[in-house]
Amino acid sequence: MKNINIKKVLIGGLSVMLMTSCTDLVNDEKDSIVRVGSQDGFTPGNPTELLISAYKDLSAYTDQANIYALGQHPSAEMIPPTRGVDWGDNGVWRTLDQHTWDATHSGVINAWNQLNQRIFKCNEIIASNPSASQKAEAQFLRAWNMFHVMDYYGQVPFREVTDGVDVNPRVLSRSEAFDFILSDLEAALPGLESRGPAPVQGTANKAAANFLLAKMYLNKAVFTASNPAGPYTHDAADMAKVISYVDAIIADGYAINDDFFGNFTADAGTETIFSSAEGTPQNRWMMTLHYDQNPSGWNGFATLADFYDTFEDGDIRKGVPAAADGTEFSGIGQGFLIGQQYNDSGEPITDSRSQKPLLFSRDVTLAGTPTEKGIRVIKYHPGKAGKYILMRFAEAYLMKAEAMMRAGDTAGALAMINDLRAKRSATALSSLDENTMFAEYGHELYWEGGKRTTEIRFGKFTTGTGTLIQDDYTVLYPIPSPAIVSNPNLTQNPGY
């Protein structure tokens, strides 16, 4: 693992900084078109070029740091052990795991910058005389990026393209941002293409907008609560909207894929709703594989035995063994990698540092961890992977089942969950409640980047193993220190 310096520029005059992070394979700002409004007025850009750039910017979501890290690392599904000096990185990973981050945390700052840059670029597209379809796509992308700012930070700065560099962006409260995002999505929906499932969905479509609308209403009680930590009251009318939006996705032809791991291949069929436009999901296997495997990974993140043990034997989602048939990358299995690991020819791998058999063990600690400790996770296989999935139908399916349960149709929700479990070769549940519903999210969507949001909605975010600070205020991240200094319209979140 090596360190690189990447210059981050936050649109709107909020901050300019240098960050140091673990290696990633994402070219984040390289292909971006950045244009800043001034006191002299805004000069429209080329909406086609700007939109292409905005889709390229989705690569930020494929990184193992920043946006992904804030959505996944604080959950009970992932642990970032420091192995010697590897993955120490001044404690940025450990603080996410332990909920001890602050307003100077590099991931907190960089995710803020990335997301707000992307929102501003969408503002530029909308102000650059786009066609009706281009405007709809830009509104969707603005809503997608703004959703994450609202979710993570609870307030959203908004800079108009005509604002000069000396103008402090106005700030939307969480409930105001919620309404703004809904308005964008509702306005965009008629102008988006109606498109059925395909292995690559690198541009916005109606199903993607319906997915985000369903997610908005499922989390409305969280996003509009007077206390961000709850308790939350889920209105039946909101749950009905969730069901309606998911039904619209189903009407476009999306369905559960019988081949679970097939969802993460270049041949993915019925579940991909929205995906990255370019690049591969290579960070997802590099961040977890050992450096003596093929491909040689960064020997990083693992899952916890407590989470692994929630899967029953026979559930295909728990994993499939490596083929080890001599072809490249065939030594890598899928799902959870535990026990002795093998090379592409089926021969046991020896850890080149410890000179011991490479056995991924159940036990793993946050610091001082030997190189072989920890169960690794592979959803995207290096020999089969397609594009990185941002929206998958299985999540929409679970959102509908949860909405039905919260609206009182527990029997219908249970039938849906058991249909899904049957496709995954898991035994049927005899009953469904919040705990079993929450568990099914983990079984189906583990390591896909959104577990923090789910844990908060189910009231489980501050109770995880290894969470040192279990105070309610951690359900929101702090507003980054550079942003607070540069924009007096921002107010630091309570607790920071």
Protein backbone atom coordinates (compact mmCIF):
# COMPACT_ATOMS: atom_id res chain seq x y z
CA MET A 1 0.00 0.00 0.00
CA LYS A 2 1.38 3.39 -0.91
CA ASN A 3 0.20 6.90 -0.22
CA ILE A 4 -0.64 9.52 -2.81
CA ASN A 5 -1.52 13.19 -2.57
CA ILE A 6 -4.59 14.37 -4.43
CA LYS A 7 -5.55 18.02 -4.64
CA LYS A 8 -9.21 18.61 -3.86
CA VAL A 9 -10.97 21.83 -4.82
CA LEU A 10 -14.41 22.49 -3.40
CA ILE A 11 -16.65 24.43 -5.74
CA GLY A 12 -18.15 27.49 -4.14
CA GLY A 13 -15.09 28.72 -2.28
CA LEU A 14 -15.55 26.41 0.70
CA SER A 15 -12.09 24.82 0.90
CA VAL A 16 -8.94 23.85 -0.87
CA MET A 17 -6.89 21.08 0.69
CA LEU A 18 -4.47 18.26 0.22
CA MET A 19 -5.40 14.81 1.41
CA THR A 20 -3.40 11.68 1.95
CA SER A 21 -5.16 8.36 1.52
CA CYS A 22 -4.53 4.73 0.84
CA THR A 23 -3.95 3.84 -2.78
CA ASP A 24 -6.99 3.81 -5.00
CA LEU A 25 -7.41 3.20 -8.68
CA VAL A 26 -9.90 6.01 -9.30
CA ASN A 27 -9.09 9.04 -11.41
CA ASP A 28 -11.33 11.37 -9.47
CA GLU A 29 -11.02 14.90 -10.78
CA LYS A 30 -8.86 14.21 -13.83
CA ASP A 31 -11.75 14.09 -16.27
CA SER A 32 -13.88 16.73 -14.56
CA ILE A 33 -14.79 20.05 -16.12
CA VAL A 34 -14.72 22.66 -13.35
CA ARG A 35 -16.12 26.12 -13.99
CA VAL A 36 -16.74 28.70 -11.28
CA GLY A 37 -19.29 31.50 -11.45
CA SER A 38 -18.01 35.02 -10.78
CA GLN A 39 -19.32 38.49 -10.09
CA ASP A 40 -19.17 39.12 -13.81
CA GLY A 41 -21.89 36.55 -14.38
CA PHE A 42 -22.08 32.96 -15.50
CA THR A 43 -20.97 31.83 -18.96
CA PRO A 44 -22.91 28.74 -20.06
CA GLY A 45 -20.83 25.71 -20.89
CA ASN A 46 -21.41 22.88 -23.31
CA PRO A 47 -24.18 20.81 -21.66
CA THR A 48 -23.20 17.65 -23.54
CA GLU A 49 -19.61 17.82 -22.37
CA LEU A 50 -20.62 18.78 -18.85
CA LEU A 51 -23.05 15.88 -18.64
CA ILE A 52 -20.43 13.41 -19.86
CA SER A 53 -18.12 14.77 -17.19
CA ALA A 54 -20.82 14.46 -14.52
CA TYR A 55 -21.25 10.77 -15.35
CA LYS A 56 -17.49 10.25 -15.21
CA ASP A 57 -17.59 11.80 -11.75
CA LEU A 58 -19.54 8.76 -10.54
CA SER A 59 -16.13 7.09 -10.27
CA ALA A 60 -15.85 8.75 -6.85
CA TYR A 61 -18.40 6.24 -5.56
CA THR A 62 -16.17 3.31 -6.54
CA ASP A 63 -13.28 4.42 -4.32
CA GLN A 64 -12.70 2.55 -1.06
CA ALA A 65 -12.43 5.87 0.78
CA ASN A 66 -14.53 9.00 1.23
CA ILE A 67 -18.16 8.53 0.03
CA TYR A 68 -18.05 4.73 0.24
CA ALA A 69 -16.13 4.70 3.50
CA LEU A 70 -18.61 7.02 5.26
CA GLY A 71 -21.50 4.82 4.17
CA GLN A 72 -19.97 1.46 5.03
CA HIS A 73 -17.07 1.53 7.49
CA PRO A 74 -18.97 2.66 10.59
CA SER A 75 -21.34 -0.32 10.22
CA ALA A 76 -21.08 -3.71 11.89
CA GLU A 77 -20.26 -5.39 8.57
CA MET A 78 -16.70 -4.13 8.10
CA ILE A 79 -13.49 -3.75 10.07
CA PRO A 80 -10.34 -1.96 8.81
CA PRO A 81 -7.50 -3.67 10.71
CA THR A 82 -4.09 -2.03 10.84
CA ARG A 83 -1.51 -4.67 9.88
CA GLY A 84 1.90 -3.43 10.95
CA VAL A 85 2.16 -0.06 9.23
CA ASP A 86 -0.35 -1.04 6.54
CA TRP A 87 -3.66 0.80 6.75
CA GLY A 88 -2.51 2.94 9.66
CA ASP A 89 -3.02 6.17 7.67
CA ASN A 90 -2.99 8.35 10.78
CA GLY A 91 -5.97 6.48 12.19
CA VAL A 92 -8.55 7.56 9.60
CA TRP A 93 -9.89 4.01 9.21
CA ARG A 94 -9.91 3.16 12.92
CA THR A 95 -11.83 6.33 13.76
CA LEU A 96 -14.55 5.43 11.27
CA ASP A 97 -14.86 1.97 12.80
CA GLN A 98 -14.98 3.34 16.35
CA HIS A 99 -17.21 6.35 15.59
CA THR A 100 -14.52 8.72 16.87
CA TRP A 101 -14.26 10.92 13.78
CA ASP A 102 -14.20 14.69 14.01
CA ALA A 103 -14.48 17.69 11.68
CA THR A 104 -10.87 17.32 10.51
CA HIS A 105 -11.21 13.69 9.36
CA SER A 106 -9.96 13.39 5.78
CA GLY A 107 -12.87 11.18 4.68
CA VAL A 108 -15.41 13.60 6.15
CA ILE A 109 -13.74 16.52 4.35
CA ASN A 110 -13.15 14.79 1.03
CA ALA A 111 -16.62 13.27 0.72
CA TRP A 112 -18.08 16.73 1.41
CA ASN A 113 -15.89 18.27 -1.28
CA GLN A 114 -16.56 15.57 -3.86
CA LEU A 115 -20.32 15.63 -3.40
CA ASN A 116 -20.65 19.41 -3.41
CA GLN A 117 -18.45 19.69 -6.49
CA ARG A 118 -20.79 17.34 -8.29
CA ILE A 119 -23.90 19.22 -7.19
CA PHE A 120 -22.43 22.45 -8.55
CA LYS A 121 -21.55 20.84 -11.86
CA CYS A 122 -25.19 19.78 -12.22
CA ASN A 123 -26.20 23.38 -11.53
CA GLU A 124 -23.92 24.38 -14.39
CA ILE A 125 -25.55 21.88 -16.75
CA ILE A 126 -29.03 23.09 -15.87
CA ALA A 127 -27.93 26.71 -16.44
CA SER A 128 -26.27 25.94 -19.81
CA ASN A 129 -29.35 25.65 -22.04
CA PRO A 130 -29.56 21.84 -22.04
CA SER A 131 -32.12 19.83 -23.94
CA ALA A 132 -35.10 18.58 -21.96
CA SER A 133 -33.55 15.13 -21.55
CA GLN A 134 -30.17 16.57 -20.54
CA LYS A 135 -31.84 18.76 -17.92
CA ALA A 136 -33.72 15.74 -16.55
CA GLU A 137 -30.49 13.75 -16.27
CA ALA A 138 -28.72 16.65 -14.56
CA GLN A 139 -31.59 17.03 -12.09
CA PHE A 140 -31.38 13.33 -11.30
CA LEU A 141 -27.62 13.48 -10.78
CA ARG A 142 -27.99 16.58 -8.62
CA ALA A 143 -30.57 14.76 -6.52
CA TRP A 144 -28.31 11.68 -6.24
CA ASN A 145 -25.34 13.67 -4.98
CA MET A 146 -27.43 15.94 -2.78
CA PHE A 147 -29.06 12.88 -1.21
CA HIS A 148 -25.69 11.82 0.16
CA VAL A 149 -24.87 15.28 1.54
CA MET A 150 -28.28 15.42 3.23
CA ASP A 151 -27.89 11.87 4.55
CA TYR A 152 -24.33 12.22 5.83
CA TYR A 153 -24.22 15.81 7.05
CA GLY A 154 -27.82 16.90 7.63
CA GLN A 155 -27.45 20.24 5.80
CA VAL A 156 -26.59 21.14 2.23
CA PRO A 157 -24.81 24.28 0.97
CA PHE A 158 -26.14 25.47 -2.36
CA ARG A 159 -24.23 27.82 -4.65
CA GLU A 160 -25.98 29.41 -7.60
CA VAL A 161 -23.92 29.52 -10.79
CA THR A 162 -24.23 33.31 -10.83
CA ASP A 163 -22.87 33.71 -7.30
CA GLY A 164 -19.51 35.42 -7.12
CA VAL A 165 -16.61 33.80 -5.32
CA ASP A 166 -17.17 36.18 -2.39
CA VAL A 167 -20.78 35.05 -1.94
CA ASN A 168 -21.36 32.55 0.87
CA PRO A 169 -23.57 29.71 -0.37
CA ARG A 170 -26.97 29.52 1.22
CA VAL A 171 -27.56 26.42 3.31
CA LEU A 172 -30.55 24.09 3.11
CA SER A 173 -31.66 22.41 6.30
CA ARG A 174 -32.18 18.66 6.15
CA SER A 175 -35.91 19.00 5.66
CA GLU A 176 -35.41 21.74 3.04
CA ALA A 177 -32.90 19.56 1.22
CA PHE A 178 -35.38 16.68 1.35
CA ASP A 179 -38.02 18.82 -0.36
CA PHE A 180 -35.50 20.12 -2.91
CA ILE A 181 -34.43 16.57 -3.85
CA LEU A 182 -38.03 15.43 -4.18
CA SER A 183 -38.76 18.39 -6.46
CA ASP A 184 -35.74 17.57 -8.64
CA LEU A 185 -36.70 13.92 -8.99
CA GLU A 186 -40.35 14.61 -9.69
CA ALA A 187 -39.39 17.19 -12.32
CA ALA A 188 -36.83 14.85 -13.88
CA LEU A 189 -38.95 11.72 -14.03
CA PRO A 190 -41.03 12.55 -17.14
CA GLY A 191 -37.92 13.47 -19.13
CA LEU A 192 -35.90 10.35 -18.34
CA GLU A 193 -35.72 7.34 -20.61
CA SER A 194 -37.86 4.34 -19.73
CA ARG A 195 -35.32 1.53 -19.86
CA GLY A 196 -35.37 -2.06 -18.74
CA PRO A 197 -32.54 -3.97 -17.07
CA ALA A 198 -29.13 -4.25 -18.74
CA PRO A 199 -25.62 -5.17 -17.53
CA VAL A 200 -24.50 -1.53 -17.82
CA GLN A 201 -26.75 1.37 -16.81
CA GLY A 202 -24.31 4.26 -17.00
CA THR A 203 -26.92 6.99 -17.54
CA ALA A 204 -30.03 8.03 -15.66
CA ASN A 205 -33.37 6.38 -16.39
CA LYS A 206 -36.87 6.30 -14.93
CA ALA A 207 -36.13 3.25 -12.81
CA ALA A 208 -33.18 5.04 -11.18
CA ALA A 209 -35.35 8.04 -10.33
CA ASN A 210 -38.07 5.77 -8.95
CA PHE A 211 -35.44 3.95 -6.88
CA LEU A 212 -34.20 7.18 -5.31
CA LEU A 213 -37.76 8.39 -4.71
CA ALA A 214 -38.55 5.12 -2.93
CA LYS A 215 -35.41 5.48 -0.80
CA MET A 216 -36.32 9.05 0.05
CA TYR A 217 -39.76 8.12 1.33
CA LEU A 218 -38.49 5.04 3.18
CA ASN A 219 -36.08 7.30 5.07
CA LYS A 220 -38.38 10.32 5.31
CA ALA A 221 -38.95 9.78 9.02
CA VAL A 222 -35.17 10.01 9.55
CA PHE A 223 -34.53 12.95 7.24
CA THR A 224 -37.38 15.09 8.59
CA ALA A 225 -37.17 14.16 12.29
CA SER A 226 -36.68 16.99 14.79
CA ASN A 227 -34.06 14.79 16.44
CA PRO A 228 -31.81 13.16 13.80
CA ALA A 229 -31.31 10.17 16.11
CA GLY A 230 -35.02 9.47 16.44
CA PRO A 231 -37.24 7.91 17.47
CA TYR A 232 -38.73 7.75 13.99
CA THR A 233 -42.37 7.45 13.06
CA HIS A 234 -42.91 5.95 9.62
CA ASP A 235 -46.12 7.29 8.11
CA ALA A 236 -48.30 4.79 6.26
CA ALA A 237 -48.76 7.25 3.39
CA ASP A 238 -44.99 7.45 2.93
CA MET A 239 -44.74 3.65 2.94
CA ALA A 240 -47.44 3.54 0.26
CA LYS A 241 -45.28 5.82 -1.90
CA VAL A 242 -42.30 3.50 -1.43
CA ILE A 243 -44.38 0.58 -2.65
CA SER A 244 -45.71 2.56 -5.61
CA TYR A 245 -42.25 3.65 -6.77
CA VAL A 246 -40.85 0.13 -6.50
CA ASP A 247 -43.85 -1.21 -8.41
CA ALA A 248 -42.97 1.24 -11.19
CA ILE A 249 -39.47 -0.27 -11.30
CA ILE A 250 -40.96 -3.76 -11.52
CA ALA A 251 -43.19 -2.58 -14.37
CA ASP A 252 -40.02 -1.69 -16.30
CA GLY A 253 -38.95 -5.34 -16.18
CA TYR A 254 -36.59 -5.46 -13.20
CA ALA A 255 -36.64 -8.60 -11.09
CA ILE A 256 -34.55 -10.62 -8.64
CA ASN A 257 -31.75 -12.47 -10.40
CA ASP A 258 -31.66 -16.15 -9.44
CA ASP A 259 -27.86 -16.03 -9.78
CA PHE A 260 -26.81 -13.88 -6.82
CA PHE A 261 -23.15 -13.44 -7.74
CA GLY A 262 -24.11 -13.08 -11.38
CA ASN A 263 -25.35 -9.61 -10.43
CA PHE A 264 -21.75 -8.46 -10.08
CA THR A 265 -20.48 -9.70 -13.44
CA ALA A 266 -20.28 -8.29 -16.94
CA ASP A 267 -23.31 -10.46 -17.77
CA ALA A 268 -25.56 -9.07 -15.01
CA GLY A 269 -29.13 -9.29 -16.17
CA THR A 270 -32.28 -8.29 -14.33
CA GLU A 271 -31.12 -6.22 -11.35
CA THR A 272 -28.77 -3.41 -12.46
CA ILE A 273 -30.71 -0.13 -12.33
CA PHE A 274 -27.86 2.40 -12.24
CA SER A 275 -24.11 1.85 -12.51
CA SER A 276 -20.88 3.74 -12.96
CA ALA A 277 -20.29 4.92 -16.50
CA GLU A 278 -16.61 4.03 -16.73
CA GLY A 279 -13.96 2.01 -14.96
CA THR A 280 -14.29 -1.23 -13.01
CA PRO A 281 -15.08 -2.14 -9.39
CA GLN A 282 -11.44 -3.13 -8.88
CA ASN A 283 -11.12 -1.25 -5.58
CA ARG A 284 -13.68 -3.63 -4.07
CA TRP A 285 -11.40 -6.64 -4.47
CA MET A 286 -8.11 -4.80 -4.08
CA MET A 287 -9.16 -3.36 -0.70
CA THR A 288 -9.67 -6.83 0.81
CA LEU A 289 -7.46 -9.38 -1.00
CA HIS A 290 -4.08 -10.41 0.45
CA TYR A 291 -0.97 -9.36 -1.42
CA ASP A 292 -0.01 -13.02 -2.04
CA GLN A 293 -3.25 -13.70 -3.90
CA ASN A 294 -3.86 -13.13 -7.61
CA PRO A 295 -4.56 -10.30 -8.10
CA SER A 296 -2.22 -9.02 -5.42
CA GLY A 297 -4.44 -6.89 -3.18
CA TRP A 298 -3.82 -4.29 -0.50
CA ASN A 299 -4.55 -6.73 2.37
CA GLY A 300 -7.06 -4.42 3.96
CA PHE A 301 -10.64 -4.70 5.05
CA ALA A 302 -12.36 -7.73 6.57
CA THR A 303 -15.73 -8.63 8.02
CA LEU A 304 -16.50 -9.56 11.60
CA ALA A 305 -17.23 -13.12 12.67
CA ASP A 306 -20.42 -11.89 14.38
CA PHE A 307 -21.76 -10.72 11.02
CA TYR A 308 -20.50 -13.80 9.16
CA ASP A 309 -22.32 -16.02 11.66
CA THR A 310 -25.70 -14.48 10.78
CA PHE A 311 -25.57 -16.44 7.50
CA GLU A 312 -26.80 -19.99 7.55
CA ASP A 313 -24.92 -22.73 5.73
CA GLY A 314 -26.50 -23.26 2.34
CA ASP A 315 -27.33 -19.60 1.79
CA ILE A 316 -25.57 -18.99 -1.53
CA ARG A 317 -24.83 -15.42 -0.44
CA LYS A 318 -22.39 -16.81 2.13
CA GLY A 319 -20.07 -17.72 -0.70
CA VAL A 320 -18.94 -20.12 -3.37
CA PRO A 321 -15.48 -21.73 -3.43
CA ALA A 322 -12.78 -20.82 -5.87
CA ALA A 323 -12.62 -22.87 -9.06
CA ALA A 324 -8.79 -22.98 -8.92
CA ASP A 325 -8.78 -24.52 -12.38
CA GLY A 326 -5.58 -22.93 -13.64
CA THR A 327 -7.20 -19.95 -15.31
CA GLU A 328 -6.26 -16.44 -14.22
CA PHE A 329 -7.90 -15.28 -10.97
CA SER A 330 -9.59 -18.68 -10.47
CA GLY A 331 -7.97 -18.97 -7.05
CA ILE A 332 -10.40 -16.33 -5.77
CA GLY A 333 -13.79 -17.42 -4.49
CA GLN A 334 -16.86 -15.22 -4.04
CA GLY A 335 -18.68 -14.16 -0.92
CA PHE A 336 -16.77 -14.67 2.31
CA LEU A 337 -13.21 -15.98 1.99
CA ILE A 338 -12.28 -17.94 5.12
CA GLY A 339 -9.67 -20.59 5.88
CA GLN A 340 -6.83 -21.74 3.66
CA GLN A 341 -6.46 -19.78 0.43
CA TYR A 342 -5.23 -21.28 -2.84
CA ASN A 343 -3.57 -20.01 -5.98
CA ASP A 344 -5.01 -20.33 -9.47
CA SER A 345 -3.66 -23.89 -9.77
CA GLY A 346 -5.22 -25.05 -6.52
CA GLU A 347 -2.01 -25.04 -4.48
CA PRO A 348 -2.09 -23.68 -0.92
CA ILE A 349 -0.73 -20.14 -0.63
CA THR A 350 1.99 -19.33 1.90
CA ASP A 351 2.04 -15.85 3.43
CA SER A 352 5.28 -14.36 2.14
CA ARG A 353 5.76 -12.28 5.29
CA SER A 354 4.99 -14.79 8.03
CA GLN A 355 5.97 -17.88 6.02
CA LYS A 356 2.85 -19.57 7.38
CA PRO A 357 -0.10 -20.98 5.41
CA LEU A 358 -2.41 -18.18 4.29
CA LEU A 359 -5.46 -18.95 6.42
CA PHE A 360 -8.05 -16.21 6.74
CA SER A 361 -9.22 -16.55 10.33
CA ARG A 362 -12.38 -15.54 12.14
CA ASP A 363 -10.48 -13.55 14.74
CA VAL A 364 -9.37 -10.06 13.81
CA THR A 365 -8.52 -6.95 15.81
CA LEU A 366 -8.54 -3.31 14.84
CA ALA A 367 -4.84 -2.72 15.55
CA GLY A 368 -1.73 -4.90 15.58
CA THR A 369 -3.36 -7.49 13.35
CA PRO A 370 -1.24 -10.24 11.70
CA THR A 371 -1.36 -10.21 7.92
CA GLU A 372 -3.60 -13.27 7.57
CA LYS A 373 -6.30 -12.37 10.10
CA GLY A 374 -9.85 -11.58 9.12
CA ILE A 375 -12.53 -12.99 6.81
CA ARG A 376 -12.30 -11.28 3.43
CA VAL A 377 -15.22 -10.36 1.20
CA ILE A 378 -15.57 -10.61 -2.58
CA LYS A 379 -18.72 -9.68 -4.47
CA TYR A 380 -17.09 -8.38 -7.63
CA HIS A 381 -14.78 -11.13 -8.86
CA PRO A 382 -11.65 -9.89 -10.66
CA GLY A 383 -12.17 -12.39 -13.46
CA LYS A 384 -15.85 -11.61 -14.07
CA ALA A 385 -16.67 -8.11 -12.89
CA GLY A 386 -18.54 -5.57 -14.97
CA LYS A 387 -19.39 -2.03 -13.92
CA TYR A 388 -19.82 -0.84 -10.36
CA ILE A 389 -23.48 -0.97 -9.33
CA LEU A 390 -24.94 2.12 -7.67
CA MET A 391 -28.55 0.90 -7.58
CA ARG A 392 -29.55 -2.77 -7.55
CA PHE A 393 -33.10 -4.08 -7.78
CA ALA A 394 -32.69 -6.32 -4.72
CA GLU A 395 -32.46 -3.19 -2.57
CA ALA A 396 -35.66 -1.83 -4.14
CA TYR A 397 -37.30 -5.21 -3.45
CA LEU A 398 -36.25 -5.06 0.21
CA MET A 399 -37.44 -1.45 0.46
CA LYS A 400 -40.89 -2.53 -0.71
CA ALA A 401 -40.99 -5.43 1.75
CA GLU A 402 -39.92 -3.14 4.60
CA ALA A 403 -42.55 -0.56 3.64
CA MET A 404 -45.22 -3.24 3.61
CA MET A 405 -44.11 -4.44 7.04
CA ARG A 406 -44.10 -0.92 8.48
CA ALA A 407 -47.54 -0.27 6.98
CA GLY A 408 -48.97 -3.37 8.69
CA ASP A 409 -48.87 -5.94 5.87
CA THR A 410 -46.44 -8.24 7.66
CA ALA A 411 -47.78 -11.34 5.93
CA GLY A 412 -47.19 -9.87 2.49
CA ALA A 413 -43.72 -8.68 3.47
CA LEU A 414 -42.85 -12.11 4.88
CA ALA A 415 -43.91 -13.76 1.63
CA MET A 416 -41.64 -11.40 -0.32
CA ILE A 417 -38.68 -12.08 1.95
CA ASN A 418 -39.20 -15.84 1.76
CA ASP A 419 -39.39 -15.68 -2.03
CA LEU A 420 -36.03 -13.90 -2.01
CA ARG A 421 -34.54 -16.37 0.45
CA ALA A 422 -35.71 -19.29 -1.66
CA LYS A 423 -33.80 -17.87 -4.62
CA ARG A 424 -30.73 -17.63 -2.37
CA SER A 425 -31.13 -21.24 -1.10
CA ALA A 426 -31.85 -19.99 2.44
CA THR A 427 -34.56 -21.52 4.61
CA ALA A 428 -37.90 -19.76 4.93
CA LEU A 429 -38.57 -17.51 7.90
CA SER A 430 -41.57 -18.29 10.11
CA SER A 431 -42.11 -14.65 11.08
CA LEU A 432 -40.89 -11.18 10.23
CA ASP A 433 -40.10 -8.26 12.49
CA GLU A 434 -37.68 -5.34 12.42
CA ASN A 435 -34.75 -7.51 13.49
CA THR A 436 -35.25 -10.18 10.83
CA MET A 437 -35.96 -7.52 8.20
CA PHE A 438 -32.75 -5.72 9.13
CA ALA A 439 -30.81 -8.98 8.97
CA GLU A 440 -32.03 -9.62 5.43
CA TYR A 441 -30.64 -6.28 4.28
CA GLY A 442 -27.26 -7.44 5.55
CA HIS A 443 -27.49 -10.85 3.92
CA GLU A 444 -28.36 -9.42 0.52
CA LEU A 445 -26.55 -6.07 0.37
CA TYR A 446 -23.41 -6.54 2.46
CA TRP A 447 -20.49 -4.25 1.56
CA GLU A 448 -22.49 -2.45 -1.14
CA GLY A 449 -21.94 0.90 0.55
CA GLY A 450 -25.20 1.90 2.23
CA LYS A 451 -25.33 -0.01 5.52
CA ARG A 452 -24.91 3.09 7.70
CA THR A 453 -28.21 4.52 6.41
CA THR A 454 -30.00 1.23 7.07
CA GLU A 455 -28.56 0.92 10.58
CA ILE A 456 -29.73 4.43 11.45
CA ARG A 457 -33.26 3.79 10.16
CA PHE A 458 -33.49 0.62 12.27
CA GLY A 459 -31.98 2.27 15.36
CA LYS A 460 -28.84 0.12 15.35
CA PHE A 461 -26.10 2.54 14.33
CA THR A 462 -24.71 3.41 17.76
CA THR A 463 -24.71 -0.13 19.17
CA GLY A 464 -22.15 -1.94 17.04
CA THR A 465 -19.24 -3.98 18.37
CA GLY A 466 -16.16 -1.78 18.71
CA THR A 467 -18.14 1.46 18.61
CA LEU A 468 -16.41 3.58 21.25
CA ILE A 469 -18.70 6.59 20.99
CA GLN A 470 -22.31 5.44 21.09
CA ASP A 471 -23.83 8.89 21.50
CA ASP A 472 -26.77 9.77 19.30
CA TYR A 473 -25.03 12.74 17.70
CA THR A 474 -22.88 10.41 15.58
CA VAL A 475 -25.83 9.65 13.28
CA LEU A 476 -24.64 12.81 11.48
CA TYR A 477 -21.09 13.54 10.44
CA PRO A 478 -19.60 16.90 11.39
CA ILE A 479 -19.49 19.72 8.89
CA PRO A 480 -15.81 19.80 7.82
CA SER A 481 -13.72 22.40 9.59
CA PRO A 482 -12.59 24.15 6.38
CA ALA A 483 -16.22 24.52 5.28
CA ILE A 484 -17.29 25.98 8.62
CA VAL A 485 -14.47 28.52 8.46
CA SER A 486 -15.23 29.60 4.90
CA ASN A 487 -19.04 29.73 5.02
CA PRO A 488 -20.65 31.38 8.06
CA ASN A 489 -24.07 30.18 6.87
CA LEU A 490 -23.08 26.66 7.98
CA THR A 491 -23.62 25.61 11.59
CA GLN A 492 -21.65 22.78 13.13
CA ASN A 493 -23.76 19.72 13.94
CA PRO A 494 -24.40 19.10 17.66
CA GLY A 495 -21.76 17.07 19.46
CA TYR A 496 -18.79 18.25 17.40
